[in-house]
Amino acid sequence: MAVDEVVLQALIEEKLKPFVKKIDEEAWN
């Protein structure tokens, strides 16, 4: 795997974290 692919994956995960957190909170409520 190329280094830029790893970086891109990390950036995508960082961008998705707020959405995942929101979904988790809504699922528990």
C-alpha atoms as a PDB file:
ATOM      1  CA  MET A   1       0.000   0.000   0.000  1.00  0.00           C
ATOM      2  CA  ALA A   2       1.321   3.418  -0.921  1.00  0.00           C
ATOM      3  CA  VAL A   3       1.984   5.952   1.824  1.00  0.00           C
ATOM      4  CA  ASP A   4      -0.449   8.462   0.306  1.00  0.00           C
ATOM      5  CA  GLU A   5      -3.188   5.818   0.451  1.00  0.00           C
ATOM      6  CA  VAL A   6      -2.594   5.401   4.187  1.00  0.00           C
ATOM      7  CA  VAL A   7      -2.696   9.174   4.697  1.00  0.00           C
ATOM      8  CA  LEU A   8      -5.855   9.461   2.618  1.00  0.00           C
ATOM      9  CA  GLN A   9      -7.514   6.688   4.630  1.00  0.00           C
ATOM     10  CA  ALA A  10      -6.578   8.457   7.880  1.00  0.00           C
ATOM     11  CA  LEU A  11      -8.031  11.742   6.601  1.00  0.00           C
ATOM     12  CA  ILE A  12     -11.266  10.015   5.571  1.00  0.00           C
ATOM     13  CA  GLU A  13     -11.578   8.388   8.994  1.00  0.00           C
ATOM     14  CA  GLU A  14     -10.966  11.753  10.717  1.00  0.00           C
ATOM     15  CA  LYS A  15     -13.703  13.359   8.580  1.00  0.00           C
ATOM     16  CA  LEU A  16     -16.136  10.532   9.367  1.00  0.00           C
ATOM     17  CA  LYS A  17     -15.535  10.507  13.147  1.00  0.00           C
ATOM     18  CA  PRO A  18     -18.102  13.265  13.914  1.00  0.00           C
ATOM     19  CA  PHE A  19     -20.731  11.428  11.840  1.00  0.00           C
ATOM     20  CA  VAL A  20     -20.015   8.094  13.533  1.00  0.00           C
ATOM     21  CA  LYS A  21     -20.161   9.738  16.963  1.00  0.00           C
ATOM     22  CA  LYS A  22     -23.493  11.368  16.107  1.00  0.00           C
ATOM     23  CA  ILE A  23     -24.931   8.085  14.829  1.00  0.00           C
ATOM     24  CA  ASP A  24     -23.721   6.249  17.954  1.00  0.00           C
ATOM     25  CA  GLU A  25     -25.330   8.854  20.232  1.00  0.00           C
ATOM     26  CA  GLU A  26     -28.606   8.702  18.305  1.00  0.00           C
ATOM     27  CA  ALA A  27     -28.584   4.903  18.403  1.00  0.00           C
ATOM     28  CA  TRP A  28     -28.255   4.903  22.215  1.00  0.00           C
ATOM     29  CA  ASN A  29     -31.024   7.476  22.725  1.00  0.00           C
END
